[in-house]
Amino acid sequence: MTKPVPQPGIMQIKPYVGGASSIDGVSNVIKLSSNENPFGPSPLAVEAFQKAGHALHRYPNTDHASLRAAIGDLHGLDPERIICGVGSDEVITFLCQCYSGPGTEVIYTEHGFSMYKISALAAGATPIMVSERERTVDVDEILKAVTPRTSLVFVTNPGNPTGTMVSRADLSRLARALPDGVLMVIDGAYAEYVEGFDGGASLVEKFPNVVMTRTFSKMYGLGGLRIGWGYGSTDVIGVLNRVRGPFNLSMPQLDAAEAALRDRDHVARCLSENTRLRAWLAEALAELGVPSDTSCANFILARFADADEANACDDFLQSEGIIVRRVAGYALPNCLRITVGDEASCRRVAHMIGRFKGVVPSADEARQDGGRT
């Protein structure tokens, strides 16, 4: 009997695997695997979400006008050129659905977000991976990979899981060099963690073939609600809205996101604490012989001698109730991505990595040393 045949590319997709949330036999874990905001969402967002619960029998509006206006007001953007989605992932899916397909190529970089490849394959396009230079996007490598079949180029900035950044000058050079018919997508999921960075908005204004995406999942602490947005030319956003479901975001999502956006005090506190603790954690790990690149996000990419050491450290951390993220799937087998948590979590994970490295004694060892002196 003939079986239904899926679209080209679908069977090549390896489903996305998120960061682990639990450890067997451990009830109280420290989760540092998914780059979640340790301080949670704004209390105003929680309040807005709760209030929305009284109107769950009502359909949400279809145009997201109030949220788009709030985003535009904060960032100085034209709300008519903003699209909202179920996380920035959905906007990425729209872009691949609308601007790629069989016979086209989608470029992404060696350590780039895995959803680029997944979304390209789902659209029937051919994903093209280009190498990075010392875990940083290499504009020249991207340009060498461009062919007449290229339809989209994805650049994560700051990078995930690397935490590194591409300069505005390099991004501008890339946008200028790409053919007019190729869309360049700047994925700024972690843009809020870089003071003074517009996420690529100025390039969107300058180049009609540049689009940027953002999310409420990181700085705003709304990962559980899945809300994102994109900004591009009127033509591109008009095309994306043709495939967007009319009710893709619920009323609680919309209301919570708008409230979170307007609570600038909460954002300022989260940014300040992340900046402080990120620097502390990177320095603490470096002193233990675990280096990392300068991170511009809310995580550290800790580098070990090899994959065996990285995996052994992860196993040890799990035995102590700490979950971090292995990133071998991002071609970084010797690394662990560690979310910058609150101060207690940062100190705990650094202490335990010190224990693993044999630099910091255990409590039993410390007591034994005390008994010998």
Protein backbone atom coordinates (compact mmCIF):
# COMPACT_ATOMS: atom_id res chain seq x y z
CA MET A 1 0.00 0.00 0.00
CA THR A 2 1.31 3.44 -0.93
CA LYS A 3 2.12 5.67 2.03
CA PRO A 4 1.60 9.44 2.10
CA VAL A 5 4.86 11.19 1.22
CA PRO A 6 5.93 14.25 3.24
CA GLN A 7 7.29 17.38 1.60
CA PRO A 8 10.98 17.38 0.59
CA GLY A 9 13.30 18.01 3.51
CA ILE A 10 10.91 17.06 6.29
CA MET A 11 12.47 13.66 7.01
CA GLN A 12 15.92 15.28 7.27
CA ILE A 13 14.82 17.30 10.28
CA LYS A 14 16.18 16.31 13.65
CA PRO A 15 13.64 17.61 16.17
CA TYR A 16 14.82 20.49 18.35
CA VAL A 17 15.88 19.42 21.83
CA GLY A 18 15.53 22.04 24.57
CA GLY A 19 17.54 22.34 27.75
CA ALA A 20 16.86 19.69 30.38
CA SER A 21 14.63 20.67 33.30
CA SER A 22 14.97 17.76 35.70
CA ILE A 23 17.37 15.18 37.08
CA ASP A 24 16.13 11.76 38.10
CA GLY A 25 16.00 11.45 41.85
CA VAL A 26 16.67 15.14 42.50
CA SER A 27 13.72 17.26 43.62
CA ASN A 28 15.36 20.67 43.91
CA VAL A 29 17.59 21.42 40.94
CA ILE A 30 19.42 24.55 39.82
CA LYS A 31 18.44 24.92 36.18
CA LEU A 32 21.04 26.80 34.13
CA SER A 33 20.37 25.13 30.79
CA SER A 34 17.82 27.31 28.98
CA ASN A 35 19.01 30.92 29.43
CA GLU A 36 15.93 31.83 31.44
CA ASN A 37 15.77 35.06 33.41
CA PRO A 38 16.42 34.00 37.04
CA PHE A 39 14.39 36.96 38.30
CA GLY A 40 11.28 35.97 36.35
CA PRO A 41 8.86 38.31 34.63
CA SER A 42 7.81 41.74 35.79
CA PRO A 43 5.11 41.68 38.51
CA LEU A 44 3.12 43.91 36.15
CA ALA A 45 3.24 41.19 33.50
CA VAL A 46 2.04 38.58 35.99
CA GLU A 47 -0.81 40.85 37.03
CA ALA A 48 -1.81 41.48 33.39
CA PHE A 49 -1.73 37.75 32.68
CA GLN A 50 -3.99 37.04 35.66
CA LYS A 51 -6.46 39.74 34.67
CA ALA A 52 -6.64 38.33 31.15
CA GLY A 53 -7.87 35.07 32.65
CA HIS A 54 -11.26 36.67 33.28
CA ALA A 55 -11.86 37.00 29.53
CA LEU A 56 -10.71 33.67 28.20
CA HIS A 57 -14.01 33.18 26.39
CA ARG A 58 -13.16 36.13 24.12
CA TYR A 59 -11.05 35.88 20.99
CA PRO A 60 -7.93 38.06 20.97
CA ASN A 61 -7.59 40.82 18.42
CA THR A 62 -5.98 39.71 15.19
CA ASP A 63 -3.71 42.68 14.50
CA HIS A 64 -1.79 42.91 17.81
CA ALA A 65 -2.12 46.68 17.43
CA SER A 66 -1.61 47.61 21.08
CA LEU A 67 1.52 45.47 21.53
CA ARG A 68 2.98 46.63 18.22
CA ALA A 69 2.37 50.24 19.23
CA ALA A 70 4.13 49.67 22.56
CA ILE A 71 7.11 48.05 20.83
CA GLY A 72 7.26 50.88 18.32
CA ASP A 73 7.05 53.53 21.04
CA LEU A 74 9.89 51.99 23.07
CA HIS A 75 12.25 51.37 20.17
CA GLY A 76 11.29 54.26 17.89
CA LEU A 77 9.97 51.91 15.18
CA ASP A 78 7.02 52.07 12.81
CA PRO A 79 4.35 49.74 14.30
CA GLU A 80 3.03 49.02 10.81
CA ARG A 81 6.32 47.28 10.04
CA ILE A 82 6.22 45.01 13.11
CA ILE A 83 4.90 41.45 13.14
CA CYS A 84 4.28 39.43 16.30
CA GLY A 85 4.64 35.69 16.57
CA VAL A 86 4.71 32.70 18.89
CA GLY A 87 8.26 33.44 19.94
CA SER A 88 10.74 34.73 17.38
CA ASP A 89 10.84 31.08 16.21
CA GLU A 90 7.49 31.55 14.47
CA VAL A 91 8.71 34.67 12.68
CA ILE A 92 11.75 32.66 11.50
CA THR A 93 9.35 29.98 10.25
CA PHE A 94 7.31 32.61 8.38
CA LEU A 95 10.46 33.93 6.71
CA CYS A 96 11.48 30.49 5.47
CA GLN A 97 7.93 29.64 4.44
CA CYS A 98 7.56 32.85 2.44
CA TYR A 99 11.03 33.40 1.00
CA SER A 100 12.58 29.97 0.54
CA GLY A 101 11.54 26.60 -0.82
CA PRO A 102 12.69 23.85 -3.18
CA GLY A 103 15.59 25.02 -5.31
CA THR A 104 16.67 27.75 -2.88
CA GLU A 105 19.41 27.86 -0.25
CA VAL A 106 19.33 29.23 3.30
CA ILE A 107 22.66 30.22 4.83
CA TYR A 108 23.35 29.97 8.55
CA THR A 109 26.58 29.82 10.52
CA GLU A 110 28.41 26.94 12.16
CA HIS A 111 27.24 27.60 15.72
CA GLY A 112 23.96 29.31 14.82
CA PHE A 113 20.52 28.58 16.28
CA SER A 114 19.31 25.15 15.13
CA MET A 115 15.86 26.43 14.16
CA TYR A 116 17.33 28.05 11.04
CA LYS A 117 18.18 24.67 9.57
CA ILE A 118 14.93 23.11 10.78
CA SER A 119 12.79 25.89 9.30
CA ALA A 120 14.70 25.80 6.00
CA LEU A 121 14.21 22.04 5.65
CA ALA A 122 10.53 22.36 6.55
CA ALA A 123 10.13 24.79 3.65
CA GLY A 124 11.91 22.42 1.27
CA ALA A 125 15.01 24.62 0.99
CA THR A 126 18.62 23.49 1.24
CA PRO A 127 20.36 24.70 4.42
CA ILE A 128 23.95 25.82 3.90
CA MET A 129 26.20 26.00 6.95
CA VAL A 130 29.28 28.23 6.85
CA SER A 131 32.17 28.19 9.29
CA GLU A 132 32.73 30.77 12.01
CA ARG A 133 36.05 32.20 13.14
CA GLU A 134 36.83 31.48 16.79
CA ARG A 135 33.12 31.09 17.56
CA THR A 136 32.21 34.39 15.91
CA VAL A 137 30.24 34.92 12.70
CA ASP A 138 32.59 35.44 9.75
CA VAL A 139 31.05 37.79 7.19
CA ASP A 140 33.56 36.82 4.50
CA GLU A 141 32.67 33.13 4.85
CA ILE A 142 28.99 33.99 4.45
CA LEU A 143 29.64 36.02 1.31
CA LYS A 144 31.69 33.19 -0.20
CA ALA A 145 28.71 30.86 0.27
CA VAL A 146 26.20 33.09 -1.54
CA THR A 147 25.00 31.72 -4.88
CA PRO A 148 22.15 32.61 -7.27
CA ARG A 149 20.04 30.12 -5.25
CA THR A 150 20.54 31.92 -1.92
CA SER A 151 17.26 33.31 -0.54
CA LEU A 152 17.95 33.92 3.18
CA VAL A 153 20.95 34.54 5.42
CA PHE A 154 20.54 34.13 9.19
CA VAL A 155 22.90 35.87 11.63
CA THR A 156 22.43 35.49 15.38
CA ASN A 157 23.65 38.60 17.20
CA PRO A 158 24.62 38.16 20.01
CA GLY A 159 25.32 34.54 19.16
CA ASN A 160 23.75 31.53 20.81
CA PRO A 161 25.36 29.41 22.20
CA THR A 162 28.57 31.41 21.72
CA GLY A 163 27.61 34.76 23.29
CA THR A 164 29.88 36.56 20.81
CA MET A 165 28.85 39.55 18.67
CA VAL A 166 29.32 40.76 15.13
CA SER A 167 30.17 44.45 14.85
CA ARG A 168 27.71 46.87 13.28
CA ALA A 169 30.33 47.65 10.65
CA ASP A 170 30.53 43.97 9.65
CA LEU A 171 26.75 43.60 9.61
CA SER A 172 26.49 46.70 7.43
CA ARG A 173 29.18 45.34 5.11
CA LEU A 174 27.28 42.06 4.79
CA ALA A 175 23.97 43.80 4.09
CA ARG A 176 25.59 46.02 1.47
CA ALA A 177 27.29 43.09 -0.28
CA LEU A 178 24.30 40.75 -0.45
CA PRO A 179 22.24 40.72 -3.64
CA ASP A 180 19.02 42.74 -3.36
CA GLY A 181 16.93 39.59 -3.61
CA VAL A 182 18.52 37.93 -0.58
CA LEU A 183 16.98 38.59 2.83
CA MET A 184 19.40 39.04 5.71
CA VAL A 185 17.83 38.17 9.07
CA ILE A 186 19.42 39.48 12.27
CA ASP A 187 18.19 37.31 15.14
CA GLY A 188 18.47 39.46 18.26
CA ALA A 189 17.02 37.22 20.93
CA TYR A 190 19.67 38.50 23.36
CA ALA A 191 19.86 42.09 22.10
CA GLU A 192 18.49 43.51 25.36
CA TYR A 193 21.59 42.32 27.18
CA VAL A 194 23.81 44.68 25.16
CA GLU A 195 23.50 48.29 26.26
CA GLY A 196 23.11 50.67 23.34
CA PHE A 197 22.51 47.92 20.75
CA ASP A 198 19.43 48.42 18.58
CA GLY A 199 19.28 44.80 17.48
CA GLY A 200 19.79 45.78 13.86
CA ALA A 201 16.93 48.31 13.59
CA SER A 202 19.12 50.95 11.96
CA LEU A 203 20.15 48.45 9.29
CA VAL A 204 16.51 47.54 8.65
CA GLU A 205 15.85 51.23 8.04
CA LYS A 206 18.78 51.48 5.64
CA PHE A 207 18.47 48.21 3.71
CA PRO A 208 15.05 46.94 2.50
CA ASN A 209 16.37 43.36 2.44
CA VAL A 210 17.26 43.30 6.18
CA VAL A 211 14.86 41.94 8.82
CA MET A 212 15.41 41.67 12.57
CA THR A 213 13.72 39.38 15.08
CA ARG A 214 13.39 39.75 18.85
CA THR A 215 11.80 37.84 21.73
CA PHE A 216 10.15 38.32 25.12
CA SER A 217 11.54 34.98 26.33
CA LYS A 218 14.91 36.16 27.66
CA MET A 219 15.21 39.59 29.27
CA TYR A 220 11.47 39.88 29.83
CA GLY A 221 11.21 36.46 31.46
CA LEU A 222 8.21 35.29 29.42
CA GLY A 223 9.66 32.12 27.90
CA GLY A 224 6.66 30.14 29.11
CA LEU A 225 4.29 32.33 27.10
CA ARG A 226 6.19 32.28 23.76
CA ILE A 227 6.01 35.81 22.36
CA GLY A 228 8.33 37.30 19.75
CA TRP A 229 8.35 39.90 17.03
CA GLY A 230 10.05 40.97 13.85
CA TYR A 231 10.73 44.24 12.08
CA GLY A 232 11.26 44.73 8.37
CA SER A 233 10.19 46.61 5.30
CA THR A 234 6.51 47.20 4.62
CA ASP A 235 6.69 44.74 1.72
CA VAL A 236 8.29 41.93 3.74
CA ILE A 237 6.01 42.31 6.77
CA GLY A 238 3.00 42.41 4.44
CA VAL A 239 4.07 39.09 2.94
CA LEU A 240 4.62 37.48 6.36
CA ASN A 241 1.21 38.59 7.58
CA ARG A 242 -0.38 36.67 4.70
CA VAL A 243 0.69 33.37 6.26
CA ARG A 244 0.38 34.36 9.93
CA GLY A 245 -2.62 32.75 11.61
CA PRO A 246 -5.18 35.41 12.59
CA PHE A 247 -5.17 34.34 16.25
CA ASN A 248 -1.57 33.20 16.63
CA LEU A 249 -1.20 35.08 19.95
CA SER A 250 -3.69 34.83 22.81
CA MET A 251 -5.00 37.68 24.91
CA PRO A 252 -2.93 36.66 27.98
CA GLN A 253 0.21 36.62 25.81
CA LEU A 254 -0.49 40.05 24.35
CA ASP A 255 -1.41 41.69 27.66
CA ALA A 256 1.52 40.19 29.58
CA ALA A 257 4.02 41.18 26.89
CA GLU A 258 2.83 44.77 26.78
CA ALA A 259 2.97 45.08 30.56
CA ALA A 260 6.47 43.55 30.64
CA LEU A 261 7.63 45.97 27.96
CA ARG A 262 6.49 48.99 29.95
CA ASP A 263 8.18 47.96 33.23
CA ARG A 264 11.56 49.55 32.56
CA ASP A 265 12.64 49.36 36.20
CA HIS A 266 12.43 45.56 36.12
CA VAL A 267 14.38 45.42 32.86
CA ALA A 268 17.06 47.75 34.26
CA ARG A 269 17.48 45.56 37.35
CA CYS A 270 17.72 42.36 35.31
CA LEU A 271 20.28 43.93 32.96
CA SER A 272 22.39 45.27 35.82
CA GLU A 273 22.44 41.97 37.70
CA ASN A 274 23.16 39.94 34.57
CA THR A 275 26.05 42.22 33.64
CA ARG A 276 27.54 42.01 37.13
CA LEU A 277 27.12 38.27 37.61
CA ARG A 278 28.17 37.39 34.06
CA ALA A 279 31.51 39.13 34.62
CA TRP A 280 31.91 37.46 38.00
CA LEU A 281 31.12 33.98 36.67
CA ALA A 282 33.44 34.32 33.67
CA GLU A 283 36.30 35.45 35.91
CA ALA A 284 35.62 32.73 38.49
CA LEU A 285 35.67 30.00 35.82
CA ALA A 286 38.80 31.42 34.19
CA GLU A 287 40.60 31.20 37.52
CA LEU A 288 39.64 27.52 37.60
CA GLY A 289 41.19 26.94 34.18
CA VAL A 290 37.89 27.11 32.28
CA PRO A 291 38.06 29.97 29.76
CA SER A 292 35.21 31.59 27.84
CA ASP A 293 34.81 34.24 25.17
CA THR A 294 33.49 37.64 26.23
CA SER A 295 29.75 37.03 26.43
CA CYS A 296 27.22 39.63 25.33
CA ALA A 297 24.21 37.55 26.43
CA ASN A 298 22.90 35.96 29.63
CA PHE A 299 25.10 32.88 29.56
CA ILE A 300 28.73 31.81 29.52
CA LEU A 301 30.13 29.32 27.00
CA ALA A 302 32.62 27.46 29.19
CA ARG A 303 35.42 25.74 27.26
CA PHE A 304 37.08 22.56 28.51
CA ALA A 305 40.14 20.65 27.29
CA ASP A 306 38.06 18.26 25.21
CA ALA A 307 34.63 16.64 24.91
CA ASP A 308 35.42 14.01 27.52
CA GLU A 309 36.20 16.64 30.15
CA ALA A 310 33.12 18.69 29.25
CA ASN A 311 30.85 15.66 29.50
CA ALA A 312 32.45 14.51 32.75
CA CYS A 313 31.95 17.96 34.25
CA ASP A 314 28.31 17.95 33.16
CA ASP A 315 27.82 14.53 34.76
CA PHE A 316 29.40 15.79 37.97
CA LEU A 317 27.23 18.91 38.03
CA GLN A 318 24.11 16.81 37.53
CA SER A 319 25.13 14.62 40.46
CA GLU A 320 25.12 17.83 42.51
CA GLY A 321 21.69 18.93 41.22
CA ILE A 322 22.91 21.48 38.67
CA ILE A 323 21.71 21.40 35.05
CA VAL A 324 23.74 23.14 32.33
CA ARG A 325 23.63 22.63 28.56
CA ARG A 326 25.83 20.39 26.45
CA VAL A 327 26.29 21.97 23.02
CA ALA A 328 27.90 19.23 20.95
CA GLY A 329 24.90 19.58 18.62
CA TYR A 330 26.16 23.09 17.85
CA ALA A 331 29.61 21.76 16.89
CA LEU A 332 31.01 22.69 20.30
CA PRO A 333 31.61 19.29 21.94
CA ASN A 334 34.21 20.62 24.38
CA CYS A 335 31.90 23.31 25.76
CA LEU A 336 29.08 23.70 28.25
CA ARG A 337 26.68 26.62 28.05
CA ILE A 338 25.89 27.95 31.52
CA THR A 339 23.06 30.40 32.09
CA VAL A 340 23.88 33.37 34.32
CA GLY A 341 21.50 32.73 37.21
CA ASP A 342 21.05 34.65 40.43
CA GLU A 343 24.06 35.17 42.69
CA ALA A 344 23.55 32.00 44.70
CA SER A 345 23.31 29.89 41.53
CA CYS A 346 26.41 31.47 40.00
CA ARG A 347 28.43 30.87 43.14
CA ARG A 348 27.15 27.32 43.42
CA VAL A 349 28.01 26.32 39.85
CA ALA A 350 31.46 27.94 40.06
CA HIS A 351 32.14 26.15 43.34
CA MET A 352 31.13 22.80 41.91
CA ILE A 353 33.21 23.24 38.76
CA GLY A 354 36.10 24.04 41.10
CA ARG A 355 35.37 20.77 42.92
CA PHE A 356 35.31 18.92 39.61
CA LYS A 357 38.64 20.46 38.57
CA GLY A 358 40.15 19.52 41.93
CA VAL A 359 40.86 23.15 42.76
CA VAL A 360 38.22 23.57 45.45
CA PRO A 361 38.13 20.91 48.20
CA SER A 362 34.91 19.21 49.23
CA ALA A 363 33.54 19.75 52.73
CA ASP A 364 34.95 16.37 53.82
CA GLU A 365 38.36 17.20 52.39
CA ALA A 366 38.34 20.59 54.07
CA ARG A 367 37.53 18.96 57.42
CA GLN A 368 40.33 16.42 56.93
CA ASP A 369 42.81 19.17 56.08
CA GLY A 370 41.73 21.01 59.21
CA GLY A 371 42.34 17.92 61.31
CA ARG A 372 45.91 17.57 60.07
CA THR A 373 46.95 21.13 60.89
